[in-house]
Amino acid sequence: MLFPLLLACLNPALTAPEAAAAPGTYNLGGSLYIQVYKDPSTVAAALAHDHIIQAKGWSGTATIDLADLSTCSMDISVPVDTLVVDATPIRENLGYTTFPKDSEREDIKKEMLSEDQLNGTKYKDITWKTTKCEMMGERVNMTGDLTIRGKSKTLTLPMSVKQDEVSFHAKGAVAIKATDFGFEAYSAGFGALKNQNRMLLSVSVHGKP
């Protein structure tokens, strides 16, 4: 049980480079979450849920100038102990019609932070640090290192970006795999119930200088 992520619809609205504001550094706010999907082929799949793992209490900064992406950077840090599992509002917003009980959510989070999953006792944070940004059509491809459970994976996050003199907005998603970060997707009952290896990470951030 632990993440599978990536959002299939990004709003491809990008401010043209020639209209971009001067380089700015922004303190970020917004929404970060991972969608973890159950394996529908298992015997007990009807008893399982897809999960939404939502970041809370996270911090981040971004520096970007759409006219000169050599200055682009984004750093985000998420404490794993503040992750929120299957909150009703976000499940409703994403179109889910099942809502785990509080006791179920507590059990899911406990398992998520266990030693063979995120191992939250040893690995306190999930981090994202970009290494380069490139314009690709109407989006900015942000390439960087995502670190989960102490293991880093380089990936590219396509972002739709809007920037003006007073604000910055970026939205995108990317698929990741649990095994890329050193753990197996959650499984119980000798495989009668389990999650898919693939998860979808969604990022929608905003900031002001």
Protein backbone atom coordinates (compact mmCIF):
# COMPACT_ATOMS: atom_id res chain seq x y z
CA MET A 1 0.00 0.00 0.00
CA LEU A 2 1.97 2.92 -0.77
CA PHE A 3 1.95 5.07 -3.52
CA PRO A 4 1.37 4.74 -7.22
CA LEU A 5 1.15 8.03 -8.89
CA LEU A 6 0.67 10.33 -11.97
CA LEU A 7 -2.04 12.49 -13.14
CA ALA A 8 -3.26 12.09 -16.61
CA CYS A 9 -4.55 15.57 -17.20
CA LEU A 10 -2.32 18.56 -16.88
CA ASN A 11 -3.66 21.97 -17.79
CA PRO A 12 -1.27 22.93 -20.60
CA ALA A 13 -1.34 26.66 -20.05
CA LEU A 14 2.11 28.22 -20.16
CA THR A 15 3.03 31.85 -20.20
CA ALA A 16 5.14 32.56 -23.28
CA PRO A 17 8.83 33.16 -22.50
CA GLU A 18 8.82 36.64 -23.99
CA ALA A 19 5.98 37.63 -21.66
CA ALA A 20 7.58 36.16 -18.57
CA ALA A 21 8.44 38.16 -15.50
CA ALA A 22 12.00 38.65 -14.32
CA PRO A 23 13.59 35.74 -12.45
CA GLY A 24 11.87 35.20 -9.13
CA THR A 25 12.30 33.03 -6.07
CA TYR A 26 9.07 31.87 -4.49
CA ASN A 27 8.04 30.22 -1.25
CA LEU A 28 5.68 27.49 -2.33
CA GLY A 29 2.23 26.44 -1.21
CA GLY A 30 -0.36 24.23 -2.86
CA SER A 31 -1.18 20.55 -3.20
CA LEU A 32 1.07 17.49 -3.36
CA TYR A 33 -0.34 13.98 -3.35
CA ILE A 34 0.26 10.44 -4.53
CA GLN A 35 -2.38 8.09 -5.85
CA VAL A 36 -1.81 4.46 -4.92
CA TYR A 37 -3.80 1.93 -6.89
CA LYS A 38 -5.01 -1.48 -5.80
CA ASP A 39 -4.33 -4.51 -7.98
CA PRO A 40 -7.78 -5.37 -9.38
CA SER A 41 -6.73 -8.89 -10.34
CA THR A 42 -6.32 -10.19 -6.78
CA VAL A 43 -8.81 -12.44 -5.00
CA ALA A 44 -9.69 -9.84 -2.35
CA ALA A 45 -9.60 -6.77 -4.62
CA ALA A 46 -13.24 -5.94 -3.81
CA LEU A 47 -12.23 -5.37 -0.18
CA ALA A 48 -9.46 -2.92 -1.06
CA HIS A 49 -9.32 0.77 -1.97
CA ASP A 50 -7.24 2.99 -4.16
CA HIS A 51 -5.52 5.44 -1.83
CA ILE A 52 -4.68 9.15 -1.83
CA ILE A 53 -1.58 10.04 0.17
CA GLN A 54 -1.57 13.81 0.72
CA ALA A 55 1.39 15.91 1.84
CA LYS A 56 0.85 18.25 4.79
CA GLY A 57 3.33 20.44 6.62
CA TRP A 58 5.70 20.46 3.65
CA SER A 59 8.04 23.26 2.60
CA GLY A 60 9.45 24.30 -0.75
CA THR A 61 10.97 27.03 -2.87
CA ALA A 62 11.20 27.62 -6.61
CA THR A 63 13.30 29.94 -8.74
CA ILE A 64 12.19 30.41 -12.32
CA ASP A 65 12.48 32.79 -15.28
CA LEU A 66 10.62 31.47 -18.31
CA ALA A 67 12.90 33.52 -20.56
CA ASP A 68 16.02 31.82 -19.17
CA LEU A 69 15.43 28.34 -17.79
CA SER A 70 19.09 27.97 -16.83
CA THR A 71 18.08 29.74 -13.60
CA CYS A 72 15.23 27.30 -12.88
CA SER A 73 15.14 25.26 -9.67
CA MET A 74 12.60 23.71 -7.34
CA ASP A 75 13.23 22.15 -3.92
CA ILE A 76 10.50 20.46 -1.88
CA SER A 77 10.69 18.58 1.43
CA VAL A 78 7.81 16.53 2.87
CA PRO A 79 7.93 15.05 6.40
CA VAL A 80 6.51 11.53 6.18
CA ASP A 81 4.92 11.59 9.64
CA THR A 82 2.53 14.36 8.54
CA LEU A 83 1.27 12.53 5.45
CA VAL A 84 -2.52 12.30 5.40
CA VAL A 85 -4.20 9.14 4.11
CA ASP A 86 -7.50 9.15 2.23
CA ALA A 87 -8.94 12.44 3.48
CA THR A 88 -12.57 12.69 2.39
CA PRO A 89 -12.34 16.14 0.70
CA ILE A 90 -9.55 15.15 -1.70
CA ARG A 91 -11.19 11.81 -2.49
CA GLU A 92 -14.39 13.67 -3.34
CA ASN A 93 -12.49 16.19 -5.49
CA LEU A 94 -10.84 13.38 -7.44
CA GLY A 95 -14.14 11.61 -8.04
CA TYR A 96 -13.81 8.71 -5.60
CA THR A 97 -17.02 7.30 -4.16
CA THR A 98 -15.57 5.19 -1.34
CA PHE A 99 -14.41 6.73 1.92
CA PRO A 100 -12.44 4.62 4.43
CA LYS A 101 -13.37 4.98 8.08
CA ASP A 102 -11.03 6.83 10.46
CA SER A 103 -9.92 3.54 12.01
CA GLU A 104 -9.09 2.17 8.55
CA ARG A 105 -7.17 5.31 7.67
CA GLU A 106 -5.12 5.00 10.87
CA ASP A 107 -4.29 1.38 10.06
CA ILE A 108 -3.32 2.29 6.49
CA LYS A 109 -0.99 5.05 7.66
CA LYS A 110 0.61 2.78 10.25
CA GLU A 111 1.30 0.19 7.57
CA MET A 112 2.51 2.87 5.13
CA LEU A 113 5.14 4.05 7.62
CA SER A 114 6.21 0.54 8.60
CA GLU A 115 9.75 -0.73 8.13
CA ASP A 116 9.06 -2.61 4.90
CA GLN A 117 7.22 0.33 3.35
CA LEU A 118 8.32 3.97 3.89
CA ASN A 119 10.19 3.09 7.08
CA GLY A 120 9.22 6.41 8.61
CA THR A 121 11.25 5.86 11.77
CA LYS A 122 14.51 5.85 9.79
CA TYR A 123 13.67 8.01 6.76
CA LYS A 124 11.96 11.19 7.94
CA ASP A 125 11.46 13.09 4.68
CA ILE A 126 10.57 12.77 1.02
CA THR A 127 12.45 15.33 -1.09
CA TRP A 128 12.45 16.66 -4.64
CA LYS A 129 15.36 18.69 -6.05
CA THR A 130 15.59 19.74 -9.68
CA THR A 131 18.81 19.53 -11.67
CA LYS A 132 17.62 21.17 -14.91
CA CYS A 133 14.57 22.63 -16.65
CA GLU A 134 13.81 22.58 -20.38
CA MET A 135 10.99 24.00 -22.47
CA MET A 136 9.08 21.23 -24.24
CA GLY A 137 6.22 22.55 -26.33
CA GLU A 138 3.90 24.37 -23.97
CA ARG A 139 5.34 22.84 -20.82
CA VAL A 140 8.49 23.03 -18.77
CA ASN A 141 10.14 19.66 -18.17
CA MET A 142 11.65 19.75 -14.70
CA THR A 143 14.25 17.01 -14.26
CA GLY A 144 15.46 16.23 -10.79
CA ASP A 145 15.96 13.73 -8.01
CA LEU A 146 13.03 12.37 -6.03
CA THR A 147 14.17 10.75 -2.78
CA ILE A 148 11.88 8.34 -0.95
CA ARG A 149 12.98 5.99 1.81
CA GLY A 150 16.55 7.24 1.44
CA LYS A 151 16.81 6.21 -2.21
CA SER A 152 16.92 8.75 -5.07
CA LYS A 153 15.50 8.35 -8.56
CA THR A 154 16.06 10.85 -11.37
CA LEU A 155 12.83 11.63 -13.20
CA THR A 156 11.30 14.31 -15.37
CA LEU A 157 8.15 16.11 -14.25
CA PRO A 158 6.27 17.92 -17.09
CA MET A 159 4.80 21.12 -15.68
CA SER A 160 2.36 23.65 -17.03
CA VAL A 161 3.63 26.99 -15.74
CA LYS A 162 2.17 30.46 -15.36
CA GLN A 163 4.23 33.39 -14.14
CA ASP A 164 3.68 37.11 -13.87
CA GLU A 165 5.17 39.98 -11.87
CA VAL A 166 3.57 38.87 -8.61
CA SER A 167 2.94 35.13 -8.72
CA PHE A 168 3.99 31.72 -9.98
CA HIS A 169 1.86 28.62 -10.62
CA ALA A 170 2.98 25.17 -11.78
CA LYS A 171 1.06 21.94 -12.20
CA GLY A 172 2.07 18.47 -13.34
CA ALA A 173 2.25 14.77 -12.56
CA VAL A 174 4.53 11.81 -13.07
CA ALA A 175 4.28 8.06 -12.57
CA ILE A 176 6.66 6.37 -10.16
CA LYS A 177 7.24 2.82 -8.93
CA ALA A 178 7.64 1.62 -5.36
CA THR A 179 10.47 -0.69 -6.43
CA ASP A 180 12.46 2.30 -7.74
CA PHE A 181 12.73 3.41 -4.11
CA GLY A 182 13.68 0.13 -2.51
CA PHE A 183 10.39 -1.36 -1.36
CA GLU A 184 7.65 -3.60 -2.71
CA ALA A 185 4.05 -2.50 -3.14
CA TYR A 186 1.94 -3.39 -0.12
CA SER A 187 0.62 -6.95 -0.08
CA ALA A 188 -1.44 -8.93 2.47
CA GLY A 189 -3.02 -12.35 2.77
CA PHE A 190 -0.28 -14.02 0.75
CA GLY A 191 -1.09 -11.77 -2.21
CA ALA A 192 -4.87 -12.01 -1.95
CA LEU A 193 -4.86 -8.23 -1.56
CA LYS A 194 -2.13 -5.93 -2.84
CA ASN A 195 -1.33 -2.62 -4.47
CA GLN A 196 0.13 -2.03 -7.89
CA ASN A 197 3.80 -1.14 -8.12
CA ARG A 198 2.97 2.00 -10.15
CA MET A 199 1.82 5.15 -8.38
CA LEU A 200 0.99 8.67 -9.60
CA LEU A 201 2.61 11.75 -8.06
CA SER A 202 0.71 15.00 -8.60
CA VAL A 203 2.10 18.48 -7.96
CA SER A 204 0.13 21.73 -8.05
CA VAL A 205 2.10 24.58 -6.48
CA HIS A 206 1.94 28.35 -6.32
CA GLY A 207 3.97 31.09 -4.75
CA LYS A 208 4.78 34.74 -4.44
CA PRO A 209 8.24 36.33 -4.27
